[in-house]
């Protein structure tokens, strides 16, 4: 009985360590994405995304109605790279919640977006990732955007 209990403990422990390793790898993918974002480096951003990336945002329009907007990933890259050097921007991720099942992961990241040292908006990002050749790649990103307090 002791041997059986020991084997169960070892199997459960190795599963937990493996799951934690995969969670860290998924977070690393998101961290790399934002390193490229903040450095306006399209090569770094593209290194952690899958072939086709769907990008959407949920926000309220000027009339207070909910909108779901879809962005073109290539246009997103062009916009980031084109931000002038005299403009500062930073998306501060406040935490990470990672869920993984097999070759799919979700990383949920509440954030604050700062533009020229002023809080512009806040919300949450939801990244969908798939595991390709032992690497996590972003294939879908949806975020919310709202006014927030500092």
C-alpha atoms as a PDB file:
ATOM      1  CA  UNK A   1       0.000   0.000   0.000  1.00  0.00           C
ATOM      2  CA  UNK A   2       2.862   2.361   0.833  1.00  0.00           C
ATOM      3  CA  UNK A   3       4.464   1.654  -2.541  1.00  0.00           C
ATOM      4  CA  UNK A   4       1.165   2.381  -4.338  1.00  0.00           C
ATOM      5  CA  UNK A   5       0.772   5.663  -2.424  1.00  0.00           C
ATOM      6  CA  UNK A   6       4.349   6.627  -3.240  1.00  0.00           C
ATOM      7  CA  UNK A   7       3.826   5.908  -6.956  1.00  0.00           C
ATOM      8  CA  UNK A   8       0.625   7.988  -6.997  1.00  0.00           C
ATOM      9  CA  UNK A   9       2.425  10.851  -5.273  1.00  0.00           C
ATOM     10  CA  UNK A  10       5.308  10.757  -7.780  1.00  0.00           C
ATOM     11  CA  UNK A  11       2.941  10.631 -10.761  1.00  0.00           C
ATOM     12  CA  UNK A  12       0.852  13.531  -9.415  1.00  0.00           C
ATOM     13  CA  UNK A  13       3.968  15.557  -8.588  1.00  0.00           C
ATOM     14  CA  UNK A  14       5.433  15.090 -12.055  1.00  0.00           C
ATOM     15  CA  UNK A  15       2.106  16.121 -13.625  1.00  0.00           C
ATOM     16  CA  UNK A  16       2.025  19.301 -11.501  1.00  0.00           C
ATOM     17  CA  UNK A  17       5.626  20.179 -12.375  1.00  0.00           C
ATOM     18  CA  UNK A  18       4.951  19.532 -16.065  1.00  0.00           C
ATOM     19  CA  UNK A  19       1.792  21.676 -15.961  1.00  0.00           C
ATOM     20  CA  UNK A  20       3.685  24.487 -14.202  1.00  0.00           C
ATOM     21  CA  UNK A  21       6.468  24.304 -16.809  1.00  0.00           C
ATOM     22  CA  UNK A  22       3.913  24.627 -19.600  1.00  0.00           C
ATOM     23  CA  UNK A  23       2.228  27.536 -17.819  1.00  0.00           C
ATOM     24  CA  UNK A  24       5.587  29.296 -17.566  1.00  0.00           C
ATOM     25  CA  UNK A  25       6.249  28.658 -21.266  1.00  0.00           C
ATOM     26  CA  UNK A  26       2.847  30.113 -22.182  1.00  0.00           C
ATOM     27  CA  UNK A  27       3.566  33.196 -20.043  1.00  0.00           C
ATOM     28  CA  UNK A  28       6.979  33.482 -21.716  1.00  0.00           C
ATOM     29  CA  UNK A  29       5.213  33.628 -25.101  1.00  0.00           C
ATOM     30  CA  UNK A  30       3.076  36.544 -23.895  1.00  0.00           C
ATOM     31  CA  UNK A  31       6.117  38.260 -22.353  1.00  0.00           C
ATOM     32  CA  UNK A  32       8.016  37.968 -25.634  1.00  0.00           C
ATOM     33  CA  UNK A  33       5.019  39.371 -27.533  1.00  0.00           C
ATOM     34  CA  UNK A  34       5.034  42.456 -25.300  1.00  0.00           C
ATOM     35  CA  UNK A  35       8.822  42.849 -25.482  1.00  0.00           C
ATOM     36  CA  UNK A  36       8.415  43.114 -29.246  1.00  0.00           C
ATOM     37  CA  UNK A  37       5.402  45.397 -28.812  1.00  0.00           C
ATOM     38  CA  UNK A  38       7.212  47.830 -26.507  1.00  0.00           C
ATOM     39  CA  UNK A  39      10.361  47.784 -28.647  1.00  0.00           C
ATOM     40  CA  UNK A  40       8.294  48.174 -31.830  1.00  0.00           C
ATOM     41  CA  UNK A  41      10.009  45.056 -33.154  1.00  0.00           C
ATOM     42  CA  UNK A  42       7.803  43.237 -35.647  1.00  0.00           C
ATOM     43  CA  UNK A  43      10.237  40.316 -35.937  1.00  0.00           C
ATOM     44  CA  UNK A  44       9.965  39.546 -32.218  1.00  0.00           C
ATOM     45  CA  UNK A  45       6.176  39.881 -32.251  1.00  0.00           C
ATOM     46  CA  UNK A  46       5.871  37.584 -35.269  1.00  0.00           C
ATOM     47  CA  UNK A  47       8.149  35.002 -33.622  1.00  0.00           C
ATOM     48  CA  UNK A  48       5.442  34.112 -31.092  1.00  0.00           C
ATOM     49  CA  UNK A  49       2.339  34.140 -33.284  1.00  0.00           C
ATOM     50  CA  UNK A  50       0.834  31.449 -35.442  1.00  0.00           C
ATOM     51  CA  UNK A  51       0.369  31.781 -39.215  1.00  0.00           C
ATOM     52  CA  UNK A  52      -2.980  33.532 -38.942  1.00  0.00           C
ATOM     53  CA  UNK A  53      -3.800  35.693 -35.932  1.00  0.00           C
ATOM     54  CA  UNK A  54      -7.300  36.923 -35.215  1.00  0.00           C
ATOM     55  CA  UNK A  55      -7.397  40.152 -33.191  1.00  0.00           C
ATOM     56  CA  UNK A  56     -10.558  41.607 -31.707  1.00  0.00           C
ATOM     57  CA  UNK A  57     -11.499  44.304 -29.188  1.00  0.00           C
ATOM     58  CA  UNK A  58     -14.640  44.740 -27.142  1.00  0.00           C
ATOM     59  CA  UNK A  59     -15.523  48.299 -26.126  1.00  0.00           C
ATOM     60  CA  UNK A  60     -18.336  50.802 -25.963  1.00  0.00           C
ATOM     61  CA  UNK A  61     -18.757  53.322 -28.774  1.00  0.00           C
ATOM     62  CA  UNK A  62     -19.520  57.011 -28.203  1.00  0.00           C
ATOM     63  CA  UNK A  63     -23.233  56.162 -27.888  1.00  0.00           C
ATOM     64  CA  UNK A  64     -22.517  53.665 -25.116  1.00  0.00           C
ATOM     65  CA  UNK A  65     -23.297  50.655 -27.306  1.00  0.00           C
ATOM     66  CA  UNK A  66     -21.160  47.539 -27.203  1.00  0.00           C
ATOM     67  CA  UNK A  67     -18.867  47.017 -30.199  1.00  0.00           C
ATOM     68  CA  UNK A  68     -16.791  44.049 -31.263  1.00  0.00           C
ATOM     69  CA  UNK A  69     -14.088  45.260 -33.620  1.00  0.00           C
ATOM     70  CA  UNK A  70     -11.816  42.992 -35.644  1.00  0.00           C
ATOM     71  CA  UNK A  71      -8.324  44.197 -36.544  1.00  0.00           C
ATOM     72  CA  UNK A  72      -5.982  43.017 -39.254  1.00  0.00           C
ATOM     73  CA  UNK A  73      -2.768  41.665 -37.723  1.00  0.00           C
ATOM     74  CA  UNK A  74      -0.560  43.152 -40.469  1.00  0.00           C
ATOM     75  CA  UNK A  75      -2.151  46.569 -39.897  1.00  0.00           C
ATOM     76  CA  UNK A  76      -1.586  46.195 -36.155  1.00  0.00           C
ATOM     77  CA  UNK A  77       2.130  45.532 -36.737  1.00  0.00           C
ATOM     78  CA  UNK A  78       2.401  48.556 -39.062  1.00  0.00           C
ATOM     79  CA  UNK A  79       0.695  50.800 -36.497  1.00  0.00           C
ATOM     80  CA  UNK A  80       3.009  49.697 -33.677  1.00  0.00           C
ATOM     81  CA  UNK A  81       6.172  50.120 -35.752  1.00  0.00           C
ATOM     82  CA  UNK A  82       5.004  53.564 -36.963  1.00  0.00           C
ATOM     83  CA  UNK A  83       4.574  55.110 -33.497  1.00  0.00           C
ATOM     84  CA  UNK A  84       6.969  58.102 -33.423  1.00  0.00           C
ATOM     85  CA  UNK A  85       9.936  57.987 -31.062  1.00  0.00           C
ATOM     86  CA  UNK A  86       8.709  61.062 -29.180  1.00  0.00           C
ATOM     87  CA  UNK A  87       5.520  59.175 -28.174  1.00  0.00           C
ATOM     88  CA  UNK A  88       5.734  56.776 -25.239  1.00  0.00           C
ATOM     89  CA  UNK A  89       3.433  53.820 -24.665  1.00  0.00           C
ATOM     90  CA  UNK A  90       3.331  50.937 -22.263  1.00  0.00           C
ATOM     91  CA  UNK A  91       0.882  48.140 -21.652  1.00  0.00           C
ATOM     92  CA  UNK A  92       1.355  47.051 -18.056  1.00  0.00           C
ATOM     93  CA  UNK A  93       0.161  43.518 -17.435  1.00  0.00           C
ATOM     94  CA  UNK A  94      -1.171  43.228 -13.897  1.00  0.00           C
ATOM     95  CA  UNK A  95      -1.330  39.422 -13.586  1.00  0.00           C
ATOM     96  CA  UNK A  96      -1.502  36.167 -15.525  1.00  0.00           C
ATOM     97  CA  UNK A  97      -4.068  33.393 -15.305  1.00  0.00           C
ATOM     98  CA  UNK A  98      -3.147  30.377 -17.415  1.00  0.00           C
ATOM     99  CA  UNK A  99      -5.325  27.430 -18.344  1.00  0.00           C
ATOM    100  CA  UNK A 100      -3.987  24.556 -20.417  1.00  0.00           C
ATOM    101  CA  UNK A 101      -5.557  21.490 -21.916  1.00  0.00           C
ATOM    102  CA  UNK A 102      -3.349  19.447 -24.212  1.00  0.00           C
ATOM    103  CA  UNK A 103      -2.112  21.650 -27.055  1.00  0.00           C
ATOM    104  CA  UNK A 104      -4.362  24.619 -26.246  1.00  0.00           C
ATOM    105  CA  UNK A 105      -3.841  27.358 -23.677  1.00  0.00           C
ATOM    106  CA  UNK A 106      -5.586  30.519 -22.581  1.00  0.00           C
ATOM    107  CA  UNK A 107      -3.682  33.341 -20.908  1.00  0.00           C
ATOM    108  CA  UNK A 108      -5.837  36.015 -19.257  1.00  0.00           C
ATOM    109  CA  UNK A 109      -4.023  39.269 -18.465  1.00  0.00           C
ATOM    110  CA  UNK A 110      -5.670  42.327 -16.896  1.00  0.00           C
ATOM    111  CA  UNK A 111      -3.805  45.438 -18.046  1.00  0.00           C
ATOM    112  CA  UNK A 112      -3.403  49.200 -17.958  1.00  0.00           C
ATOM    113  CA  UNK A 113      -2.397  51.050 -21.122  1.00  0.00           C
ATOM    114  CA  UNK A 114      -0.305  54.185 -20.688  1.00  0.00           C
ATOM    115  CA  UNK A 115       0.269  56.690 -23.479  1.00  0.00           C
ATOM    116  CA  UNK A 116       2.671  59.609 -22.998  1.00  0.00           C
ATOM    117  CA  UNK A 117       2.795  58.818 -19.266  1.00  0.00           C
ATOM    118  CA  UNK A 118      -0.999  59.091 -18.871  1.00  0.00           C
ATOM    119  CA  UNK A 119      -3.370  56.238 -18.215  1.00  0.00           C
ATOM    120  CA  UNK A 120      -5.295  55.849 -21.472  1.00  0.00           C
ATOM    121  CA  UNK A 121      -7.482  52.814 -20.774  1.00  0.00           C
ATOM    122  CA  UNK A 122      -7.563  49.468 -19.054  1.00  0.00           C
ATOM    123  CA  UNK A 123      -9.137  46.080 -19.543  1.00  0.00           C
ATOM    124  CA  UNK A 124      -8.211  42.476 -19.985  1.00  0.00           C
ATOM    125  CA  UNK A 125      -6.459  40.532 -22.738  1.00  0.00           C
ATOM    126  CA  UNK A 126      -7.412  36.952 -23.513  1.00  0.00           C
ATOM    127  CA  UNK A 127      -4.742  35.159 -25.535  1.00  0.00           C
ATOM    128  CA  UNK A 128      -5.492  31.808 -27.138  1.00  0.00           C
ATOM    129  CA  UNK A 129      -2.399  29.742 -27.848  1.00  0.00           C
ATOM    130  CA  UNK A 130      -1.664  26.442 -29.506  1.00  0.00           C
ATOM    131  CA  UNK A 131       1.402  24.301 -29.086  1.00  0.00           C
ATOM    132  CA  UNK A 132       3.296  23.862 -32.344  1.00  0.00           C
ATOM    133  CA  UNK A 133       6.606  21.952 -32.390  1.00  0.00           C
ATOM    134  CA  UNK A 134       6.834  22.218 -28.592  1.00  0.00           C
ATOM    135  CA  UNK A 135       6.354  26.032 -28.662  1.00  0.00           C
ATOM    136  CA  UNK A 136       3.303  28.055 -27.635  1.00  0.00           C
ATOM    137  CA  UNK A 137       2.043  30.339 -30.423  1.00  0.00           C
ATOM    138  CA  UNK A 138      -0.675  32.998 -30.236  1.00  0.00           C
ATOM    139  CA  UNK A 139      -3.496  32.443 -32.727  1.00  0.00           C
ATOM    140  CA  UNK A 140      -6.233  34.617 -31.213  1.00  0.00           C
ATOM    141  CA  UNK A 141      -6.261  37.756 -29.105  1.00  0.00           C
ATOM    142  CA  UNK A 142      -9.312  39.557 -27.786  1.00  0.00           C
ATOM    143  CA  UNK A 143      -9.190  42.482 -25.395  1.00  0.00           C
ATOM    144  CA  UNK A 144     -11.602  44.752 -23.597  1.00  0.00           C
ATOM    145  CA  UNK A 145     -11.069  48.507 -23.411  1.00  0.00           C
ATOM    146  CA  UNK A 146     -12.624  50.910 -20.951  1.00  0.00           C
ATOM    147  CA  UNK A 147     -11.827  54.082 -19.068  1.00  0.00           C
ATOM    148  CA  UNK A 148     -10.315  53.433 -15.683  1.00  0.00           C
ATOM    149  CA  UNK A 149      -9.007  55.194 -12.601  1.00  0.00           C
ATOM    150  CA  UNK A 150      -5.310  55.500 -11.778  1.00  0.00           C
END
